[in-house]
Amino acid sequence: MNILLWHVHGSWTTAFVQGPHTYLVPVTPDRGPDGLGRARTFDWPDSVREVTPGQLADTPVDVVVLQRPHEWRLAEEWLGGRRPGRDVPAVYLEHNAPDGSVPCTRHPAADRDDTVLVHVTHFNRLFWDCGSTRTRVIEHGIVDPGHRYTGRLARAAVVVNDPVRRGRYTGTDLLPGLSEAAPLDVFGMRTEGLAEHLGLDPERCRGRDLPQALLHTAMAERRLYLHPVRWTSLGLSLLEAMHLGMPVVALATTEAVAAVPPGTGTLSTRPEELARAARHYLNEPEAAAEDGARARRAALDRYGLKRFLSDWEHLLTEVRS
């Protein structure tokens, strides 16, 4: 199939484009949000093709994967009047947990009969009000980075983008207290200057942005993965950490309670419990490695790439038929 989708979520797309199709990714001269084109920090196969809006009008498209509300209009305009869900089969992929009058947040694709609304977690489907729109859950899949864990650095890895702007959503306000239990290395976009913003010694909270390949190596050198997120969808970085063989210390919120089974780390709604677990792993590297190995097995079983691609193949075949 020729599948049209915008480059919105690099980590998720990296798994999706491992399938057997041709993936058409719009590109614009400014490489803005509606035309990022191919990823520069993720490894995508040659089956991902950049297409300009002008080229799309004459390009055969079998399925459109929509991810943002304005893409309904954008797709129709760029496809030369072909309407997603009417003239071209379409699915709407929802990456995020609802943000608004939770749990009564109305989904932008609610009450539509021309699409299937796909959620990446069961938690998200439960909390979005989707009306009569057909829904499906296809849980995340991860391109396995391999069991790289060494835990040689007695520090905790945190991966989050825009921690200052997102604040309480990502648990940024909890970092000062947690940094007293374990020094933190916070990876992600716009993490530089985080320690200064929080009033911390930079040695207790270092920020850095790395390409994915280097990020995985850096994460695996840290003793544990810390996930202090209050409210977001299930972070792919959490699943990547588990694939790497890292033990997890996380808030027991959203889908994390299903993703992190017993014996793979610590889940709690009490920050002081997370701090205690972090100190335990710093002081007991063998226990950290054992829990991390179990975390890897659990992640491979539930979030393996083969299952993910199979689930999507069934859905794409269904909507195209």
Protein backbone atom coordinates (compact mmCIF):
# COMPACT_ATOMS: atom_id res chain seq x y z
CA MET A 1 0.00 0.00 0.00
CA ASN A 2 0.89 3.67 -0.34
CA ILE A 3 0.25 5.12 3.12
CA LEU A 4 0.15 8.87 3.67
CA LEU A 5 1.05 10.14 7.12
CA TRP A 6 2.63 13.28 8.51
CA HIS A 7 5.86 13.19 10.52
CA VAL A 8 4.31 14.08 13.88
CA HIS A 9 5.75 11.62 16.39
CA GLY A 10 9.23 10.44 15.41
CA SER A 11 9.55 7.54 17.84
CA TRP A 12 6.14 6.06 17.02
CA THR A 13 6.66 6.51 13.28
CA THR A 14 10.02 4.73 13.49
CA ALA A 15 8.18 1.55 14.49
CA PHE A 16 5.27 2.05 12.07
CA VAL A 17 7.44 2.42 8.97
CA GLN A 18 9.13 -0.94 9.57
CA GLY A 19 6.13 -2.52 7.83
CA PRO A 20 5.97 -3.76 4.22
CA HIS A 21 4.45 -0.64 2.62
CA THR A 22 5.51 2.62 1.01
CA TYR A 23 5.13 5.50 3.45
CA LEU A 24 4.50 8.95 1.96
CA VAL A 25 5.66 11.73 4.29
CA PRO A 26 4.88 15.34 3.27
CA VAL A 27 7.77 17.76 3.04
CA THR A 28 7.64 21.54 2.62
CA PRO A 29 10.49 23.99 1.93
CA ASP A 30 10.55 25.23 5.52
CA ARG A 31 10.23 21.71 6.98
CA GLY A 32 7.62 23.08 9.35
CA PRO A 33 5.12 21.07 11.43
CA ASP A 34 3.12 20.10 8.33
CA GLY A 35 6.15 19.24 6.23
CA LEU A 36 8.97 17.83 8.36
CA GLY A 37 9.74 15.11 5.84
CA ARG A 38 11.99 12.22 6.78
CA ALA A 39 13.43 12.09 10.29
CA ARG A 40 16.98 13.28 10.82
CA THR A 41 17.56 11.74 14.26
CA PHE A 42 15.78 8.40 13.71
CA ASP A 43 16.74 5.55 11.39
CA TRP A 44 13.98 5.16 8.77
CA PRO A 45 14.05 2.71 5.85
CA ASP A 46 14.11 3.71 2.18
CA SER A 47 10.40 2.83 1.93
CA VAL A 48 9.69 6.22 3.57
CA ARG A 49 9.40 8.71 0.69
CA GLU A 50 9.20 12.46 0.95
CA VAL A 51 6.43 14.02 -1.16
CA THR A 52 5.58 17.67 -1.69
CA PRO A 53 2.00 18.94 -1.48
CA GLY A 54 2.09 19.50 -5.24
CA GLN A 55 3.10 15.90 -5.91
CA LEU A 56 0.39 14.43 -3.69
CA ALA A 57 -2.45 15.53 -5.99
CA ASP A 58 -1.34 12.95 -8.59
CA THR A 59 0.04 10.30 -6.21
CA PRO A 60 -1.93 7.08 -5.61
CA VAL A 61 -2.77 6.79 -1.91
CA ASP A 62 -4.38 3.69 -0.42
CA VAL A 63 -4.78 4.80 3.21
CA VAL A 64 -4.36 8.08 5.09
CA VAL A 65 -3.24 7.98 8.73
CA LEU A 66 -4.43 11.22 10.33
CA GLN A 67 -2.96 12.38 13.64
CA ARG A 68 -4.13 16.00 14.12
CA PRO A 69 -7.57 17.57 13.58
CA HIS A 70 -6.49 19.96 10.83
CA GLU A 71 -5.12 17.08 8.75
CA TRP A 72 -8.65 16.29 7.53
CA ARG A 73 -8.66 19.59 5.64
CA LEU A 74 -4.99 19.44 4.74
CA ALA A 75 -5.24 15.94 3.28
CA GLU A 76 -8.25 16.82 1.13
CA GLU A 77 -6.52 19.96 -0.15
CA TRP A 78 -3.20 18.28 -0.92
CA LEU A 79 -4.80 15.14 -2.38
CA GLY A 80 -6.55 17.18 -5.04
CA GLY A 81 -10.00 17.03 -3.48
CA ARG A 82 -9.96 13.38 -2.41
CA ARG A 83 -11.64 13.25 0.99
CA PRO A 84 -10.11 11.11 3.75
CA GLY A 85 -12.60 8.50 4.87
CA ARG A 86 -14.78 8.98 1.77
CA ASP A 87 -12.61 8.88 -1.33
CA VAL A 88 -9.52 7.46 0.41
CA PRO A 89 -9.71 5.10 3.41
CA ALA A 90 -8.57 6.79 6.62
CA VAL A 91 -7.78 6.06 10.23
CA TYR A 92 -7.27 8.67 12.93
CA LEU A 93 -4.41 7.89 15.30
CA GLU A 94 -4.61 9.43 18.77
CA HIS A 95 -1.25 9.54 20.55
CA ASN A 96 -2.26 11.55 23.60
CA ALA A 97 -4.32 11.31 26.74
CA PRO A 98 -7.18 13.82 26.82
CA ASP A 99 -6.45 17.33 28.03
CA GLY A 100 -9.42 19.35 29.16
CA SER A 101 -12.55 18.43 31.07
CA VAL A 102 -11.30 14.97 31.95
CA PRO A 103 -12.95 12.46 31.87
CA CYS A 104 -15.53 14.20 29.68
CA THR A 105 -13.13 15.46 27.00
CA ARG A 106 -14.74 15.15 23.58
CA HIS A 107 -12.45 13.77 20.90
CA PRO A 108 -12.11 15.80 17.66
CA ALA A 109 -13.01 12.65 15.69
CA ALA A 110 -16.05 11.79 17.81
CA ASP A 111 -19.28 10.72 16.08
CA ARG A 112 -17.72 10.11 12.68
CA ASP A 113 -18.76 7.19 10.47
CA ASP A 114 -15.92 7.56 7.96
CA THR A 115 -12.91 6.54 10.04
CA VAL A 116 -11.58 4.26 12.75
CA LEU A 117 -10.14 6.04 15.77
CA VAL A 118 -7.00 4.24 16.96
CA HIS A 119 -5.70 4.76 20.49
CA VAL A 120 -2.20 3.78 21.55
CA THR A 121 -3.30 2.74 25.06
CA HIS A 122 -6.42 1.34 26.66
CA PHE A 123 -6.22 4.16 29.19
CA ASN A 124 -6.57 6.72 26.42
CA ARG A 125 -9.61 5.02 24.91
CA LEU A 126 -11.23 4.84 28.34
CA PHE A 127 -10.78 8.55 29.05
CA TRP A 128 -11.57 10.07 25.65
CA ASP A 129 -15.25 10.58 24.79
CA CYS A 130 -15.30 9.24 21.24
CA GLY A 131 -19.07 9.17 20.76
CA SER A 132 -20.19 6.70 18.09
CA THR A 133 -16.88 6.58 16.20
CA ARG A 134 -15.47 3.07 15.86
CA THR A 135 -12.41 2.72 18.09
CA ARG A 136 -9.49 0.35 18.27
CA VAL A 137 -6.47 0.06 20.56
CA ILE A 138 -3.13 -0.82 18.99
CA GLU A 139 -0.55 -0.71 21.72
CA HIS A 140 2.93 0.61 21.05
CA GLY A 141 5.65 -1.38 19.36
CA ILE A 142 9.38 -0.76 19.76
CA VAL A 143 12.27 -1.38 17.42
CA ASP A 144 14.39 -3.41 19.82
CA PRO A 145 17.60 -1.51 20.65
CA GLY A 146 19.04 -4.61 22.31
CA HIS A 147 19.95 -5.41 25.90
CA ARG A 148 22.56 -2.67 26.42
CA TYR A 149 22.22 -2.09 30.14
CA THR A 150 25.40 -1.64 32.15
CA GLY A 151 24.16 0.67 34.92
CA ARG A 152 27.76 1.68 35.50
CA LEU A 153 26.81 5.28 36.36
CA ALA A 154 25.05 5.72 39.71
CA ARG A 155 22.56 8.18 38.23
CA ALA A 156 18.95 8.08 37.10
CA ALA A 157 17.96 8.68 33.48
CA VAL A 158 14.87 10.79 32.75
CA VAL A 159 13.64 11.36 29.18
CA VAL A 160 11.20 14.19 28.55
CA ASN A 161 10.77 16.95 25.98
CA ASP A 162 10.02 20.52 27.09
CA PRO A 163 10.09 19.83 30.85
CA VAL A 164 9.88 23.53 31.77
CA ARG A 165 6.88 24.29 29.56
CA ARG A 166 5.03 21.08 30.43
CA GLY A 167 5.67 21.43 34.16
CA ARG A 168 3.34 19.43 36.35
CA TYR A 169 2.18 17.24 33.45
CA THR A 170 5.61 15.65 33.23
CA GLY A 171 6.37 15.88 36.95
CA THR A 172 9.05 18.54 36.50
CA ASP A 173 8.15 19.95 39.91
CA LEU A 174 9.04 16.57 41.48
CA LEU A 175 12.59 16.56 40.14
CA PRO A 176 14.17 18.66 42.94
CA GLY A 177 13.03 16.19 45.60
CA LEU A 178 13.94 13.15 43.52
CA SER A 179 17.36 14.59 42.71
CA GLU A 180 18.19 14.37 46.43
CA ALA A 181 17.75 10.59 46.21
CA ALA A 182 19.64 10.13 42.93
CA PRO A 183 21.49 12.54 40.65
CA LEU A 184 19.51 12.95 37.43
CA ASP A 185 20.43 13.06 33.76
CA VAL A 186 17.43 14.52 31.93
CA PHE A 187 17.49 13.83 28.21
CA GLY A 188 15.25 15.40 25.59
CA MET A 189 14.52 18.54 23.64
CA ARG A 190 14.82 21.83 25.51
CA THR A 191 16.24 20.31 28.69
CA GLU A 192 19.30 22.57 28.76
CA GLY A 193 19.15 24.98 31.67
CA LEU A 194 16.66 22.83 33.57
CA ALA A 195 18.79 22.71 36.73
CA GLU A 196 19.05 26.49 36.80
CA HIS A 197 15.29 26.80 36.30
CA LEU A 198 14.66 24.45 39.23
CA GLY A 199 17.33 26.02 41.42
CA LEU A 200 19.44 22.85 41.47
CA ASP A 201 23.16 22.19 41.36
CA PRO A 202 23.81 21.18 37.72
CA GLU A 203 25.55 18.05 38.97
CA ARG A 204 22.21 16.93 40.47
CA CYS A 205 20.21 17.55 37.30
CA ARG A 206 21.98 17.66 33.93
CA GLY A 207 20.03 18.24 30.72
CA ARG A 208 21.02 17.12 27.24
CA ASP A 209 19.45 16.38 23.83
CA LEU A 210 20.85 13.42 21.87
CA PRO A 211 19.94 11.54 18.66
CA GLN A 212 18.12 8.29 19.38
CA ALA A 213 21.10 5.97 18.78
CA LEU A 214 23.31 7.90 21.20
CA LEU A 215 20.41 8.37 23.62
CA HIS A 216 19.91 4.63 24.04
CA THR A 217 23.57 4.09 24.82
CA ALA A 218 23.57 6.94 27.34
CA MET A 219 20.37 5.73 29.02
CA ALA A 220 21.70 2.19 29.41
CA GLU A 221 24.75 3.47 31.29
CA ARG A 222 22.53 4.91 34.03
CA ARG A 223 21.53 2.74 36.98
CA LEU A 224 17.77 3.22 36.59
CA TYR A 225 15.06 4.87 34.54
CA LEU A 226 12.93 7.44 36.38
CA HIS A 227 9.47 8.29 35.03
CA PRO A 228 7.83 10.99 37.21
CA VAL A 229 5.07 11.76 34.68
CA ARG A 230 1.66 12.65 36.07
CA TRP A 231 -0.45 12.95 32.96
CA THR A 232 0.47 11.97 29.44
CA SER A 233 0.11 8.99 27.17
CA LEU A 234 2.45 6.08 27.75
CA GLY A 235 5.92 7.48 27.05
CA LEU A 236 7.83 5.51 24.43
CA SER A 237 11.02 6.35 26.30
CA LEU A 238 9.74 4.26 29.21
CA LEU A 239 9.27 1.26 26.92
CA GLU A 240 12.65 1.86 25.29
CA ALA A 241 14.29 1.90 28.73
CA MET A 242 12.68 -1.45 29.53
CA HIS A 243 13.90 -2.86 26.21
CA LEU A 244 17.39 -1.69 27.10
CA GLY A 245 17.19 -3.72 30.33
CA MET A 246 16.73 -0.83 32.76
CA PRO A 247 14.77 -1.09 36.01
CA VAL A 248 11.91 1.42 36.18
CA VAL A 249 10.88 3.80 38.95
CA ALA A 250 7.65 5.48 37.90
CA LEU A 251 4.52 7.23 39.08
CA ALA A 252 1.59 4.82 39.03
CA THR A 253 -0.41 6.96 36.62
CA THR A 254 -2.08 6.53 33.22
CA GLU A 255 -0.97 3.36 31.36
CA ALA A 256 2.26 2.90 33.33
CA VAL A 257 0.39 0.62 35.73
CA ALA A 258 -0.13 -1.88 32.90
CA ALA A 259 3.26 -1.45 31.23
CA VAL A 260 5.46 -2.02 34.31
CA PRO A 261 4.61 -5.38 35.92
CA PRO A 262 5.80 -6.53 39.37
CA GLY A 263 9.46 -7.41 39.57
CA THR A 264 10.56 -4.87 36.96
CA GLY A 265 10.76 -1.79 39.15
CA THR A 266 8.64 0.34 41.46
CA LEU A 267 5.31 2.04 40.78
CA SER A 268 3.77 4.39 43.31
CA THR A 269 1.72 7.56 43.59
CA ARG A 270 4.00 8.62 46.46
CA PRO A 271 7.11 10.54 45.38
CA GLU A 272 8.85 9.50 48.59
CA GLU A 273 8.41 5.85 47.55
CA LEU A 274 10.03 6.62 44.21
CA ALA A 275 12.93 8.30 45.99
CA ARG A 276 13.34 5.26 48.24
CA ALA A 277 13.36 2.92 45.21
CA ALA A 278 15.92 5.07 43.41
CA ARG A 279 18.24 4.97 46.42
CA HIS A 280 17.81 1.19 46.58
CA TYR A 281 18.96 0.73 42.99
CA LEU A 282 21.90 3.08 43.46
CA ASN A 283 23.05 1.02 46.43
CA GLU A 284 22.18 -2.42 44.97
CA PRO A 285 23.44 -2.64 41.39
CA GLU A 286 22.82 -6.39 41.19
CA ALA A 287 19.17 -5.93 42.12
CA ALA A 288 18.91 -3.17 39.51
CA ALA A 289 20.30 -5.46 36.81
CA GLU A 290 17.97 -8.32 37.78
CA ASP A 291 14.86 -6.14 37.73
CA GLY A 292 16.02 -4.57 34.47
CA ALA A 293 16.36 -7.99 32.84
CA ARG A 294 12.80 -8.81 33.84
CA ALA A 295 11.68 -5.42 32.52
CA ARG A 296 13.21 -6.24 29.15
CA ARG A 297 11.43 -9.60 28.95
CA ALA A 298 8.11 -7.98 29.83
CA ALA A 299 8.54 -5.22 27.25
CA LEU A 300 9.51 -7.64 24.49
CA ASP A 301 6.46 -9.74 25.26
CA ARG A 302 3.91 -6.91 25.27
CA TYR A 303 5.44 -4.20 23.11
CA GLY A 304 7.40 -6.18 20.53
CA LEU A 305 7.58 -4.89 16.97
CA LYS A 306 6.14 -8.06 15.38
CA ARG A 307 2.86 -7.84 17.30
CA PHE A 308 2.60 -4.09 16.65
CA LEU A 309 3.06 -4.43 12.88
CA SER A 310 0.66 -7.37 12.75
CA ASP A 311 -2.06 -5.39 14.53
CA TRP A 312 -1.62 -2.50 12.11
CA GLU A 313 -1.58 -4.80 9.08
CA HIS A 314 -4.95 -6.25 10.09
CA LEU A 315 -6.47 -2.80 10.54
CA LEU A 316 -5.07 -1.32 7.32
CA THR A 317 -6.36 -4.31 5.35
CA GLU A 318 -9.75 -3.96 7.02
CA VAL A 319 -10.23 -0.26 6.27
CA ARG A 320 -9.05 -0.65 2.69
CA SER A 321 -11.41 -3.54 1.89
